[in-house]
Amino acid sequence: MIEIMIQEFFFAAWPLVACALMVAFVCVGIHKAKKLREQGDEANAHRQQGIGFYMASVLMFVTFIIMQMDKGHSTSDCVVWMSIGSMFLCLGSVEMNKMRNTNCMADRRHKSEKGEG
């Protein structure tokens, strides 16, 4: 009886916990990125934001899997969580591409200052 109640509570509360953790991951990533930008480290700022988005994406996909295991959620609920996870995956990828572009620009600037190529 108690085990069933705990399981039902877990499946009912998990989406709320996942939303809170998602917001925390993204906010921490943005906060760290802001501090790095103040120090002039643009590439690592994009990396920190990308990591925050990737962590939120993983959390959304885990939520999708948990909701698939629970029979109390409809398919549309699961699709919403999977879509949110995909969105954060794309945002993380965009930030990582910005990091790579920033690194390439810094390398070119460094080479031009040295007089290479």
PDB file of N, CA and C in Angstrom:
ATOM      1  N   MET A   1       0.825  -1.196   0.000  1.00  0.00           N
ATOM      2  CA  MET A   1       0.000   0.000   0.000  1.00  0.00           C
ATOM      3  C   MET A   1       0.871   1.263   0.000  1.00  0.00           C
ATOM      4  N   ILE A   2       1.824   1.317   0.907  1.00  0.00           N
ATOM      5  CA  ILE A   2       2.715   2.489   0.994  1.00  0.00           C
ATOM      6  C   ILE A   2       3.552   2.602  -0.273  1.00  0.00           C
ATOM      7  N   GLU A   3       4.017   1.471  -0.768  1.00  0.00           N
ATOM      8  CA  GLU A   3       4.853   1.487  -1.979  1.00  0.00           C
ATOM      9  C   GLU A   3       4.075   2.039  -3.170  1.00  0.00           C
ATOM     10  N   ILE A   4       2.811   1.684  -3.269  1.00  0.00           N
ATOM     11  CA  ILE A   4       1.979   2.186  -4.363  1.00  0.00           C
ATOM     12  C   ILE A   4       1.773   3.683  -4.218  1.00  0.00           C
ATOM     13  N   MET A   5       1.565   4.156  -2.993  1.00  0.00           N
ATOM     14  CA  MET A   5       1.386   5.589  -2.763  1.00  0.00           C
ATOM     15  C   MET A   5       2.654   6.357  -3.125  1.00  0.00           C
ATOM     16  N   ILE A   6       3.812   5.825  -2.759  1.00  0.00           N
ATOM     17  CA  ILE A   6       5.079   6.480  -3.086  1.00  0.00           C
ATOM     18  C   ILE A   6       5.265   6.522  -4.597  1.00  0.00           C
ATOM     19  N   GLN A   7       4.962   5.425  -5.272  1.00  0.00           N
ATOM     20  CA  GLN A   7       5.103   5.378  -6.723  1.00  0.00           C
ATOM     21  C   GLN A   7       4.155   6.376  -7.392  1.00  0.00           C
ATOM     22  N   GLU A   8       2.922   6.448  -6.931  1.00  0.00           N
ATOM     23  CA  GLU A   8       1.968   7.397  -7.502  1.00  0.00           C
ATOM     24  C   GLU A   8       2.406   8.832  -7.264  1.00  0.00           C
ATOM     25  N   PHE A   9       2.931   9.113  -6.072  1.00  0.00           N
ATOM     26  CA  PHE A   9       3.420  10.457  -5.768  1.00  0.00           C
ATOM     27  C   PHE A   9       4.598  10.802  -6.666  1.00  0.00           C
ATOM     28  N   PHE A  10       5.511   9.845  -6.866  1.00  0.00           N
ATOM     29  CA  PHE A  10       6.678  10.087  -7.722  1.00  0.00           C
ATOM     30  C   PHE A  10       6.245  10.446  -9.131  1.00  0.00           C
ATOM     31  N   PHE A  11       5.343   9.649  -9.699  1.00  0.00           N
ATOM     32  CA  PHE A  11       4.905   9.914 -11.064  1.00  0.00           C
ATOM     33  C   PHE A  11       4.107  11.215 -11.165  1.00  0.00           C
ATOM     34  N   ALA A  12       3.384  11.571 -10.116  1.00  0.00           N
ATOM     35  CA  ALA A  12       2.607  12.810 -10.142  1.00  0.00           C
ATOM     36  C   ALA A  12       3.489  14.034  -9.940  1.00  0.00           C
ATOM     37  N   ALA A  13       4.499  13.914  -9.081  1.00  0.00           N
ATOM     38  CA  ALA A  13       5.332  15.068  -8.738  1.00  0.00           C
ATOM     39  C   ALA A  13       6.504  15.256  -9.680  1.00  0.00           C
ATOM     40  N   TRP A  14       6.909  14.224 -10.409  1.00  0.00           N
ATOM     41  CA  TRP A  14       8.109  14.331 -11.232  1.00  0.00           C
ATOM     42  C   TRP A  14       8.066  15.473 -12.252  1.00  0.00           C
ATOM     43  N   PRO A  15       6.955  15.692 -12.967  1.00  0.00           N
ATOM     44  CA  PRO A  15       6.947  16.814 -13.913  1.00  0.00           C
ATOM     45  C   PRO A  15       7.204  18.169 -13.256  1.00  0.00           C
ATOM     46  N   LEU A  16       6.682  18.372 -12.054  1.00  0.00           N
ATOM     47  CA  LEU A  16       6.937  19.634 -11.346  1.00  0.00           C
ATOM     48  C   LEU A  16       8.401  19.757 -10.936  1.00  0.00           C
ATOM     49  N   VAL A  17       8.956  18.665 -10.453  1.00  0.00           N
ATOM     50  CA  VAL A  17      10.375  18.659 -10.083  1.00  0.00           C
ATOM     51  C   VAL A  17      11.232  18.898 -11.319  1.00  0.00           C
ATOM     52  N   ALA A  18      10.867  18.279 -12.426  1.00  0.00           N
ATOM     53  CA  ALA A  18      11.622  18.441 -13.664  1.00  0.00           C
ATOM     54  C   ALA A  18      11.590  19.889 -14.141  1.00  0.00           C
ATOM     55  N   CYS A  19      10.437  20.540 -14.026  1.00  0.00           N
ATOM     56  CA  CYS A  19      10.349  21.953 -14.428  1.00  0.00           C
ATOM     57  C   CYS A  19      11.245  22.821 -13.557  1.00  0.00           C
ATOM     58  N   ALA A  20      11.233  22.580 -12.262  1.00  0.00           N
ATOM     59  CA  ALA A  20      12.071  23.373 -11.353  1.00  0.00           C
ATOM     60  C   ALA A  20      13.550  23.157 -11.653  1.00  0.00           C
ATOM     61  N   LEU A  21      13.950  21.916 -11.875  1.00  0.00           N
ATOM     62  CA  LEU A  21      15.354  21.633 -12.194  1.00  0.00           C
ATOM     63  C   LEU A  21      15.742  22.219 -13.548  1.00  0.00           C
ATOM     64  N   MET A  22      14.835  22.166 -14.510  1.00  0.00           N
ATOM     65  CA  MET A  22      15.117  22.737 -15.829  1.00  0.00           C
ATOM     66  C   MET A  22      15.411  24.226 -15.705  1.00  0.00           C
ATOM     67  N   VAL A  23      14.568  24.945 -14.975  1.00  0.00           N
ATOM     68  CA  VAL A  23      14.779  26.373 -14.775  1.00  0.00           C
ATOM     69  C   VAL A  23      16.101  26.620 -14.053  1.00  0.00           C
ATOM     70  N   ALA A  24      16.405  25.785 -13.071  1.00  0.00           N
ATOM     71  CA  ALA A  24      17.666  25.947 -12.336  1.00  0.00           C
ATOM     72  C   ALA A  24      18.872  25.738 -13.247  1.00  0.00           C
ATOM     73  N   PHE A  25      18.858  24.691 -14.073  1.00  0.00           N
ATOM     74  CA  PHE A  25      19.994  24.431 -14.974  1.00  0.00           C
ATOM     75  C   PHE A  25      20.214  25.594 -15.933  1.00  0.00           C
ATOM     76  N   VAL A  26      19.136  26.072 -16.521  1.00  0.00           N
ATOM     77  CA  VAL A  26      19.249  27.155 -17.500  1.00  0.00           C
ATOM     78  C   VAL A  26      19.705  28.444 -16.813  1.00  0.00           C
ATOM     79  N   CYS A  27      19.130  28.753 -15.657  1.00  0.00           N
ATOM     80  CA  CYS A  27      19.509  29.986 -14.951  1.00  0.00           C
ATOM     81  C   CYS A  27      20.957  29.952 -14.474  1.00  0.00           C
ATOM     82  N   VAL A  28      21.400  28.825 -13.969  1.00  0.00           N
ATOM     83  CA  VAL A  28      22.795  28.715 -13.541  1.00  0.00           C
ATOM     84  C   VAL A  28      23.730  28.882 -14.737  1.00  0.00           C
ATOM     85  N   GLY A  29      23.386  28.273 -15.862  1.00  0.00           N
ATOM     86  CA  GLY A  29      24.201  28.428 -17.069  1.00  0.00           C
ATOM     87  C   GLY A  29      24.270  29.866 -17.528  1.00  0.00           C
ATOM     88  N   ILE A  30      23.151  30.556 -17.510  1.00  0.00           N
ATOM     89  CA  ILE A  30      23.115  31.963 -17.928  1.00  0.00           C
ATOM     90  C   ILE A  30      23.883  32.836 -16.942  1.00  0.00           C
ATOM     91  N   HIS A  31      23.750  32.542 -15.650  1.00  0.00           N
ATOM     92  CA  HIS A  31      24.459  33.329 -14.636  1.00  0.00           C
ATOM     93  C   HIS A  31      25.977  33.168 -14.780  1.00  0.00           C
ATOM     94  N   LYS A  32      26.422  31.926 -14.961  1.00  0.00           N
ATOM     95  CA  LYS A  32      27.858  31.695 -15.146  1.00  0.00           C
ATOM     96  C   LYS A  32      28.358  32.362 -16.425  1.00  0.00           C
ATOM     97  N   ALA A  33      27.537  32.317 -17.470  1.00  0.00           N
ATOM     98  CA  ALA A  33      27.917  32.944 -18.739  1.00  0.00           C
ATOM     99  C   ALA A  33      28.041  34.454 -18.581  1.00  0.00           C
ATOM    100  N   LYS A  34      27.144  35.044 -17.814  1.00  0.00           N
ATOM    101  CA  LYS A  34      27.205  36.487 -17.595  1.00  0.00           C
ATOM    102  C   LYS A  34      28.500  36.876 -16.894  1.00  0.00           C
ATOM    103  N   LYS A  35      28.880  36.099 -15.886  1.00  0.00           N
ATOM    104  CA  LYS A  35      30.135  36.379 -15.177  1.00  0.00           C
ATOM    105  C   LYS A  35      31.338  36.222 -16.099  1.00  0.00           C
ATOM    106  N   LEU A  36      31.319  35.205 -16.955  1.00  0.00           N
ATOM    107  CA  LEU A  36      32.431  35.005 -17.884  1.00  0.00           C
ATOM    108  C   LEU A  36      32.494  36.120 -18.925  1.00  0.00           C
ATOM    109  N   ARG A  37      31.333  36.609 -19.352  1.00  0.00           N
ATOM    110  CA  ARG A  37      31.323  37.715 -20.315  1.00  0.00           C
ATOM    111  C   ARG A  37      31.895  38.982 -19.691  1.00  0.00           C
ATOM    112  N   GLU A  38      31.611  39.203 -18.399  1.00  0.00           N
ATOM    113  CA  GLU A  38      32.170  40.362 -17.706  1.00  0.00           C
ATOM    114  C   GLU A  38      33.687  40.287 -17.641  1.00  0.00           C
ATOM    115  N   GLN A  39      34.220  39.064 -17.619  1.00  0.00           N
ATOM    116  CA  GLN A  39      35.670  38.864 -17.599  1.00  0.00           C
ATOM    117  C   GLN A  39      36.250  38.876 -19.012  1.00  0.00           C
ATOM    118  N   GLY A  40      35.406  38.936 -20.020  1.00  0.00           N
ATOM    119  CA  GLY A  40      35.868  38.980 -21.402  1.00  0.00           C
ATOM    120  C   GLY A  40      36.088  37.615 -22.028  1.00  0.00           C
ATOM    121  N   ASP A  41      35.556  36.576 -21.426  1.00  0.00           N
ATOM    122  CA  ASP A  41      35.737  35.215 -21.941  1.00  0.00           C
ATOM    123  C   ASP A  41      34.451  34.760 -22.637  1.00  0.00           C
ATOM    124  N   GLU A  42      34.271  35.214 -23.870  1.00  0.00           N
ATOM    125  CA  GLU A  42      33.030  34.964 -24.610  1.00  0.00           C
ATOM    126  C   GLU A  42      32.845  33.483 -24.950  1.00  0.00           C
ATOM    127  N   ALA A  43      33.935  32.802 -25.338  1.00  0.00           N
ATOM    128  CA  ALA A  43      33.816  31.403 -25.757  1.00  0.00           C
ATOM    129  C   ALA A  43      33.351  30.520 -24.595  1.00  0.00           C
ATOM    130  N   ASN A  44      33.939  30.687 -23.424  1.00  0.00           N
ATOM    131  CA  ASN A  44      33.521  29.885 -22.278  1.00  0.00           C
ATOM    132  C   ASN A  44      32.123  30.271 -21.801  1.00  0.00           C
ATOM    133  N   ALA A  45      31.722  31.519 -22.049  1.00  0.00           N
ATOM    134  CA  ALA A  45      30.358  31.926 -21.700  1.00  0.00           C
ATOM    135  C   ALA A  45      29.356  31.132 -22.534  1.00  0.00           C
ATOM    136  N   HIS A  46      29.637  30.990 -23.834  1.00  0.00           N
ATOM    137  CA  HIS A  46      28.746  30.197 -24.680  1.00  0.00           C
ATOM    138  C   HIS A  46      28.768  28.730 -24.258  1.00  0.00           C
ATOM    139  N   ARG A  47      29.937  28.239 -23.849  1.00  0.00           N
ATOM    140  CA  ARG A  47      30.048  26.848 -23.420  1.00  0.00           C
ATOM    141  C   ARG A  47      29.201  26.612 -22.176  1.00  0.00           C
ATOM    142  N   GLN A  48      29.250  27.526 -21.206  1.00  0.00           N
ATOM    143  CA  GLN A  48      28.464  27.363 -19.978  1.00  0.00           C
ATOM    144  C   GLN A  48      26.971  27.384 -20.274  1.00  0.00           C
ATOM    145  N   GLN A  49      26.539  28.282 -21.153  1.00  0.00           N
ATOM    146  CA  GLN A  49      25.122  28.311 -21.510  1.00  0.00           C
ATOM    147  C   GLN A  49      24.724  27.034 -22.235  1.00  0.00           C
ATOM    148  N   GLY A  50      25.576  26.557 -23.116  1.00  0.00           N
ATOM    149  CA  GLY A  50      25.286  25.319 -23.843  1.00  0.00           C
ATOM    150  C   GLY A  50      25.154  24.129 -22.908  1.00  0.00           C
ATOM    151  N   ILE A  51      26.034  24.055 -21.914  1.00  0.00           N
ATOM    152  CA  ILE A  51      25.966  22.957 -20.943  1.00  0.00           C
ATOM    153  C   ILE A  51      24.656  23.023 -20.164  1.00  0.00           C
ATOM    154  N   GLY A  52      24.244  24.227 -19.776  1.00  0.00           N
ATOM    155  CA  GLY A  52      22.956  24.374 -19.075  1.00  0.00           C
ATOM    156  C   GLY A  52      21.795  23.893 -19.918  1.00  0.00           C
ATOM    157  N   PHE A  53      21.812  24.253 -21.207  1.00  0.00           N
ATOM    158  CA  PHE A  53      20.741  23.808 -22.100  1.00  0.00           C
ATOM    159  C   PHE A  53      20.787  22.300 -22.319  1.00  0.00           C
ATOM    160  N   TYR A  54      21.982  21.737 -22.459  1.00  0.00           N
ATOM    161  CA  TYR A  54      22.097  20.279 -22.630  1.00  0.00           C
ATOM    162  C   TYR A  54      21.586  19.536 -21.397  1.00  0.00           C
ATOM    163  N   MET A  55      21.907  20.041 -20.202  1.00  0.00           N
ATOM    164  CA  MET A  55      21.424  19.386 -18.984  1.00  0.00           C
ATOM    165  C   MET A  55      19.902  19.455 -18.891  1.00  0.00           C
ATOM    166  N   ALA A  56      19.326  20.587 -19.267  1.00  0.00           N
ATOM    167  CA  ALA A  56      17.866  20.709 -19.273  1.00  0.00           C
ATOM    168  C   ALA A  56      17.261  19.751 -20.300  1.00  0.00           C
ATOM    169  N   SER A  57      17.930  19.586 -21.431  1.00  0.00           N
ATOM    170  CA  SER A  57      17.445  18.662 -22.465  1.00  0.00           C
ATOM    171  C   SER A  57      17.421  17.226 -21.957  1.00  0.00           C
ATOM    172  N   VAL A  58      18.501  16.811 -21.327  1.00  0.00           N
ATOM    173  CA  VAL A  58      18.562  15.445 -20.773  1.00  0.00           C
ATOM    174  C   VAL A  58      17.453  15.247 -19.749  1.00  0.00           C
ATOM    175  N   LEU A  59      17.239  16.246 -18.917  1.00  0.00           N
ATOM    176  CA  LEU A  59      16.186  16.160 -17.909  1.00  0.00           C
ATOM    177  C   LEU A  59      14.807  16.012 -18.553  1.00  0.00           C
ATOM    178  N   MET A  60      14.565  16.734 -19.628  1.00  0.00           N
ATOM    179  CA  MET A  60      13.267  16.631 -20.307  1.00  0.00           C
ATOM    180  C   MET A  60      13.090  15.261 -20.951  1.00  0.00           C
ATOM    181  N   PHE A  61      14.161  14.711 -21.525  1.00  0.00           N
ATOM    182  CA  PHE A  61      14.062  13.377 -22.122  1.00  0.00           C
ATOM    183  C   PHE A  61      13.844  12.311 -21.043  1.00  0.00           C
ATOM    184  N   VAL A  62      14.480  12.474 -19.879  1.00  0.00           N
ATOM    185  CA  VAL A  62      14.250  11.539 -18.759  1.00  0.00           C
ATOM    186  C   VAL A  62      12.803  11.639 -18.300  1.00  0.00           C
ATOM    187  N   THR A  63      12.283  12.858 -18.248  1.00  0.00           N
ATOM    188  CA  THR A  63      10.877  13.045 -17.877  1.00  0.00           C
ATOM    189  C   THR A  63       9.957  12.365 -18.884  1.00  0.00           C
ATOM    190  N   PHE A  64      10.293  12.495 -20.157  1.00  0.00           N
ATOM    191  CA  PHE A  64       9.518  11.829 -21.210  1.00  0.00           C
ATOM    192  C   PHE A  64       9.497  10.318 -20.976  1.00  0.00           C
ATOM    193  N   ILE A  65      10.650   9.738 -20.659  1.00  0.00           N
ATOM    194  CA  ILE A  65      10.730   8.287 -20.433  1.00  0.00           C
ATOM    195  C   ILE A  65       9.923   7.884 -19.206  1.00  0.00           C
ATOM    196  N   ILE A  66      10.031   8.663 -18.142  1.00  0.00           N
ATOM    197  CA  ILE A  66       9.275   8.350 -16.921  1.00  0.00           C
ATOM    198  C   ILE A  66       7.777   8.436 -17.194  1.00  0.00           C
ATOM    199  N   MET A  67       7.375   9.435 -17.944  1.00  0.00           N
ATOM    200  CA  MET A  67       5.947   9.573 -18.241  1.00  0.00           C
ATOM    201  C   MET A  67       5.455   8.456 -19.164  1.00  0.00           C
ATOM    202  N   GLN A  68       6.316   7.945 -20.019  1.00  0.00           N
ATOM    203  CA  GLN A  68       5.943   6.804 -20.866  1.00  0.00           C
ATOM    204  C   GLN A  68       5.709   5.561 -20.008  1.00  0.00           C
ATOM    205  N   MET A  69       6.497   5.400 -18.934  1.00  0.00           N
ATOM    206  CA  MET A  69       6.332   4.237 -18.063  1.00  0.00           C
ATOM    207  C   MET A  69       5.046   4.328 -17.244  1.00  0.00           C
ATOM    208  N   ASP A  70       4.633   5.553 -16.921  1.00  0.00           N
ATOM    209  CA  ASP A  70       3.417   5.751 -16.132  1.00  0.00           C
ATOM    210  C   ASP A  70       2.205   5.711 -17.052  1.00  0.00           C
ATOM    211  N   LYS A  71       1.222   4.938 -16.683  1.00  0.00           N
ATOM    212  CA  LYS A  71       0.037   4.788 -17.523  1.00  0.00           C
ATOM    213  C   LYS A  71      -0.970   5.926 -17.314  1.00  0.00           C
ATOM    214  N   GLY A  72      -0.713   6.818 -16.347  1.00  0.00           N
ATOM    215  CA  GLY A  72      -1.669   7.884 -16.058  1.00  0.00           C
ATOM    216  C   GLY A  72      -1.528   9.102 -16.953  1.00  0.00           C
ATOM    217  N   HIS A  73      -0.524   9.119 -17.821  1.00  0.00           N
ATOM    218  CA  HIS A  73      -0.289  10.275 -18.684  1.00  0.00           C
ATOM    219  C   HIS A  73      -0.659   9.931 -20.122  1.00  0.00           C
ATOM    220  N   SER A  74      -1.206  10.909 -20.804  1.00  0.00           N
ATOM    221  CA  SER A  74      -1.592  10.680 -22.197  1.00  0.00           C
ATOM    222  C   SER A  74      -0.370  10.818 -23.107  1.00  0.00           C
ATOM    223  N   THR A  75      -0.540  10.384 -24.323  1.00  0.00           N
ATOM    224  CA  THR A  75       0.538  10.465 -25.303  1.00  0.00           C
ATOM    225  C   THR A  75       0.891  11.918 -25.593  1.00  0.00           C
ATOM    226  N   SER A  76      -0.098  12.796 -25.586  1.00  0.00           N
ATOM    227  CA  SER A  76       0.170  14.207 -25.877  1.00  0.00           C
ATOM    228  C   SER A  76       1.063  14.832 -24.796  1.00  0.00           C
ATOM    229  N   ASP A  77       0.894  14.414 -23.531  1.00  0.00           N
ATOM    230  CA  ASP A  77       1.788  14.891 -22.470  1.00  0.00           C
ATOM    231  C   ASP A  77       3.227  14.495 -22.774  1.00  0.00           C
ATOM    232  N   CYS A  78       3.405  13.273 -23.178  1.00  0.00           N
ATOM    233  CA  CYS A  78       4.754  12.766 -23.472  1.00  0.00           C
ATOM    234  C   CYS A  78       5.370  13.500 -24.662  1.00  0.00           C
ATOM    235  N   VAL A  79       4.550  13.777 -25.661  1.00  0.00           N
ATOM    236  CA  VAL A  79       5.044  14.490 -26.845  1.00  0.00           C
ATOM    237  C   VAL A  79       5.491  15.897 -26.465  1.00  0.00           C
ATOM    238  N   VAL A  80       4.771  16.539 -25.567  1.00  0.00           N
ATOM    239  CA  VAL A  80       5.152  17.881 -25.127  1.00  0.00           C
ATOM    240  C   VAL A  80       6.522  17.846 -24.452  1.00  0.00           C
ATOM    241  N   TRP A  81       6.733  16.894 -23.561  1.00  0.00           N
ATOM    242  CA  TRP A  81       8.028  16.811 -22.869  1.00  0.00           C
ATOM    243  C   TRP A  81       9.148  16.475 -23.836  1.00  0.00           C
ATOM    244  N   MET A  82       8.880  15.609 -24.804  1.00  0.00           N
ATOM    245  CA  MET A  82       9.897  15.283 -25.795  1.00  0.00           C
ATOM    246  C   MET A  82      10.224  16.504 -26.656  1.00  0.00           C
ATOM    247  N   SER A  83       9.224  17.289 -26.979  1.00  0.00           N
ATOM    248  CA  SER A  83       9.438  18.500 -27.780  1.00  0.00           C
ATOM    249  C   SER A  83      10.258  19.534 -27.005  1.00  0.00           C
ATOM    250  N   ILE A  84       9.972  19.686 -25.733  1.00  0.00           N
ATOM    251  CA  ILE A  84      10.742  20.619 -24.908  1.00  0.00           C
ATOM    252  C   ILE A  84      12.193  20.159 -24.826  1.00  0.00           C
ATOM    253  N   GLY A  85      12.396  18.859 -24.674  1.00  0.00           N
ATOM    254  CA  GLY A  85      13.760  18.324 -24.648  1.00  0.00           C
ATOM    255  C   GLY A  85      14.491  18.586 -25.953  1.00  0.00           C
ATOM    256  N   SER A  86      13.793  18.424 -27.065  1.00  0.00           N
ATOM    257  CA  SER A  86      14.397  18.694 -28.374  1.00  0.00           C
ATOM    258  C   SER A  86      14.736  20.164 -28.531  1.00  0.00           C
ATOM    259  N   MET A  87      13.882  21.036 -28.019  1.00  0.00           N
ATOM    260  CA  MET A  87      14.140  22.470 -28.097  1.00  0.00           C
ATOM    261  C   MET A  87      15.410  22.830 -27.337  1.00  0.00           C
ATOM    262  N   PHE A  88      15.558  22.297 -26.130  1.00  0.00           N
ATOM    263  CA  PHE A  88      16.758  22.595 -25.351  1.00  0.00           C
ATOM    264  C   PHE A  88      18.008  21.977 -25.982  1.00  0.00           C
ATOM    265  N   LEU A  89      17.848  20.844 -26.635  1.00  0.00           N
ATOM    266  CA  LEU A  89      18.967  20.242 -27.359  1.00  0.00           C
ATOM    267  C   LEU A  89      19.421  21.166 -28.485  1.00  0.00           C
ATOM    268  N   CYS A  90      18.478  21.745 -29.198  1.00  0.00           N
ATOM    269  CA  CYS A  90      18.817  22.699 -30.270  1.00  0.00           C
ATOM    270  C   CYS A  90      19.465  23.955 -29.705  1.00  0.00           C
ATOM    271  N   LEU A  91      18.947  24.475 -28.607  1.00  0.00           N
ATOM    272  CA  LEU A  91      19.543  25.672 -28.001  1.00  0.00           C
ATOM    273  C   LEU A  91      20.974  25.405 -27.536  1.00  0.00           C
ATOM    274  N   GLY A  92      21.199  24.223 -26.959  1.00  0.00           N
ATOM    275  CA  GLY A  92      22.559  23.861 -26.550  1.00  0.00           C
ATOM    276  C   GLY A  92      23.487  23.766 -27.740  1.00  0.00           C
ATOM    277  N   SER A  93      22.998  23.218 -28.834  1.00  0.00           N
ATOM    278  CA  SER A  93      23.810  23.101 -30.046  1.00  0.00           C
ATOM    279  C   SER A  93      24.151  24.476 -30.614  1.00  0.00           C
ATOM    280  N   VAL A  94      23.192  25.391 -30.584  1.00  0.00           N
ATOM    281  CA  VAL A  94      23.450  26.754 -31.062  1.00  0.00           C
ATOM    282  C   VAL A  94      24.539  27.418 -30.233  1.00  0.00           C
ATOM    283  N   GLU A  95      24.471  27.257 -28.907  1.00  0.00           N
ATOM    284  CA  GLU A  95      25.487  27.870 -28.045  1.00  0.00           C
ATOM    285  C   GLU A  95      26.866  27.256 -28.290  1.00  0.00           C
ATOM    286  N   MET A  96      26.919  25.953 -28.512  1.00  0.00           N
ATOM    287  CA  MET A  96      28.215  25.319 -28.781  1.00  0.00           C
ATOM    288  C   MET A  96      28.777  25.771 -30.127  1.00  0.00           C
ATOM    289  N   ASN A  97      27.903  25.987 -31.121  1.00  0.00           N
ATOM    290  CA  ASN A  97      28.378  26.518 -32.404  1.00  0.00           C
ATOM    291  C   ASN A  97      28.898  27.937 -32.244  1.00  0.00           C
ATOM    292  N   LYS A  98      28.232  28.742 -31.412  1.00  0.00           N
ATOM    293  CA  LYS A  98      28.727  30.090 -31.144  1.00  0.00           C
ATOM    294  C   LYS A  98      30.098  30.026 -30.481  1.00  0.00           C
ATOM    295  N   MET A  99      30.275  29.050 -29.569  1.00  0.00           N
ATOM    296  CA  MET A  99      31.570  28.898 -28.908  1.00  0.00           C
ATOM    297  C   MET A  99      32.649  28.580 -29.935  1.00  0.00           C
ATOM    298  N   ARG A 100      32.363  27.659 -30.844  1.00  0.00           N
ATOM    299  CA  ARG A 100      33.348  27.301 -31.872  1.00  0.00           C
ATOM    300  C   ARG A 100      33.675  28.491 -32.771  1.00  0.00           C
ATOM    301  N   ASN A 101      32.645  29.241 -33.155  1.00  0.00           N
ATOM    302  CA  ASN A 101      32.869  30.415 -33.998  1.00  0.00           C
ATOM    303  C   ASN A 101      33.687  31.468 -33.263  1.00  0.00           C
ATOM    304  N   THR A 102      33.432  31.653 -31.980  1.00  0.00           N
ATOM    305  CA  THR A 102      34.193  32.613 -31.187  1.00  0.00           C
ATOM    306  C   THR A 102      35.640  32.176 -31.086  1.00  0.00           C
ATOM    307  N   ASN A 103      35.870  30.868 -30.902  1.00  0.00           N
ATOM    308  CA  ASN A 103      37.241  30.359 -30.848  1.00  0.00           C
ATOM    309  C   ASN A 103      37.951  30.548 -32.181  1.00  0.00           C
ATOM    310  N   CYS A 104      37.250  30.310 -33.292  1.00  0.00           N
ATOM    311  CA  CYS A 104      37.849  30.489 -34.623  1.00  0.00           C
ATOM    312  C   CYS A 104      38.215  31.946 -34.856  1.00  0.00           C
ATOM    313  N   MET A 105      37.323  32.849 -34.459  1.00  0.00           N
ATOM    314  CA  MET A 105      37.598  34.274 -34.624  1.00  0.00           C
ATOM    315  C   MET A 105      38.795  34.698 -33.778  1.00  0.00           C
ATOM    316  N   ALA A 106      38.895  34.160 -32.557  1.00  0.00           N
ATOM    317  CA  ALA A 106      40.033  34.491 -31.686  1.00  0.00           C
ATOM    318  C   ALA A 106      41.331  33.956 -32.280  1.00  0.00           C
ATOM    319  N   ASP A 107      41.295  32.747 -32.861  1.00  0.00           N
ATOM    320  CA  ASP A 107      42.493  32.190 -33.495  1.00  0.00           C
ATOM    321  C   ASP A 107      42.927  33.028 -34.688  1.00  0.00           C
ATOM    322  N   ARG A 108      41.968  33.466 -35.496  1.00  0.00           N
ATOM    323  CA  ARG A 108      42.303  34.302 -36.657  1.00  0.00           C
ATOM    324  C   ARG A 108      42.897  35.633 -36.211  1.00  0.00           C
ATOM    325  N   ARG A 109      42.306  36.211 -35.177  1.00  0.00           N
ATOM    326  CA  ARG A 109      42.802  37.480 -34.654  1.00  0.00           C
ATOM    327  C   ARG A 109      44.224  37.311 -34.129  1.00  0.00           C
ATOM    328  N   HIS A 110      44.455  36.204 -33.435  1.00  0.00           N
ATOM    329  CA  HIS A 110      45.770  35.935 -32.876  1.00  0.00           C
ATOM    330  C   HIS A 110      46.806  35.755 -33.987  1.00  0.00           C
ATOM    331  N   LYS A 111      46.448  35.033 -35.055  1.00  0.00           N
ATOM    332  CA  LYS A 111      47.369  34.822 -36.167  1.00  0.00           C
ATOM    333  C   LYS A 111      47.677  36.142 -36.894  1.00  0.00           C
ATOM    334  N   SER A 112      46.647  36.979 -37.052  1.00  0.00           N
ATOM    335  CA  SER A 112      46.876  38.247 -37.760  1.00  0.00           C
ATOM    336  C   SER A 112      47.753  39.177 -36.933  1.00  0.00           C
ATOM    337  N   GLU A 113      47.670  39.104 -35.613  1.00  0.00           N
ATOM    338  CA  GLU A 113      48.524  39.925 -34.759  1.00  0.00           C
ATOM    339  C   GLU A 113      49.983  39.460 -34.831  1.00  0.00           C
ATOM    340  N   LYS A 114      50.170  38.157 -34.996  1.00  0.00           N
ATOM    341  CA  LYS A 114      51.516  37.604 -35.108  1.00  0.00           C
ATOM    342  C   LYS A 114      52.104  37.795 -36.504  1.00  0.00           C
ATOM    343  N   GLY A 115      51.256  38.115 -37.458  1.00  0.00           N
ATOM    344  CA  GLY A 115      51.711  38.291 -38.831  1.00  0.00           C
ATOM    345  C   GLY A 115      51.680  37.026 -39.644  1.00  0.00           C
ATOM    346  N   GLU A 116      51.009  35.992 -39.139  1.00  0.00           N
ATOM    347  CA  GLU A 116      50.887  34.735 -39.890  1.00  0.00           C
ATOM    348  C   GLU A 116      49.672  34.808 -40.787  1.00  0.00           C
ATOM    349  N   GLY A 117      49.799  34.321 -42.003  1.00  0.00           N
ATOM    350  CA  GLY A 117      48.689  34.158 -42.942  1.00  0.00           C
ATOM    351  C   GLY A 117      47.757  35.257 -42.933  1.00  0.00           C
TER     352      GLY A 117
END
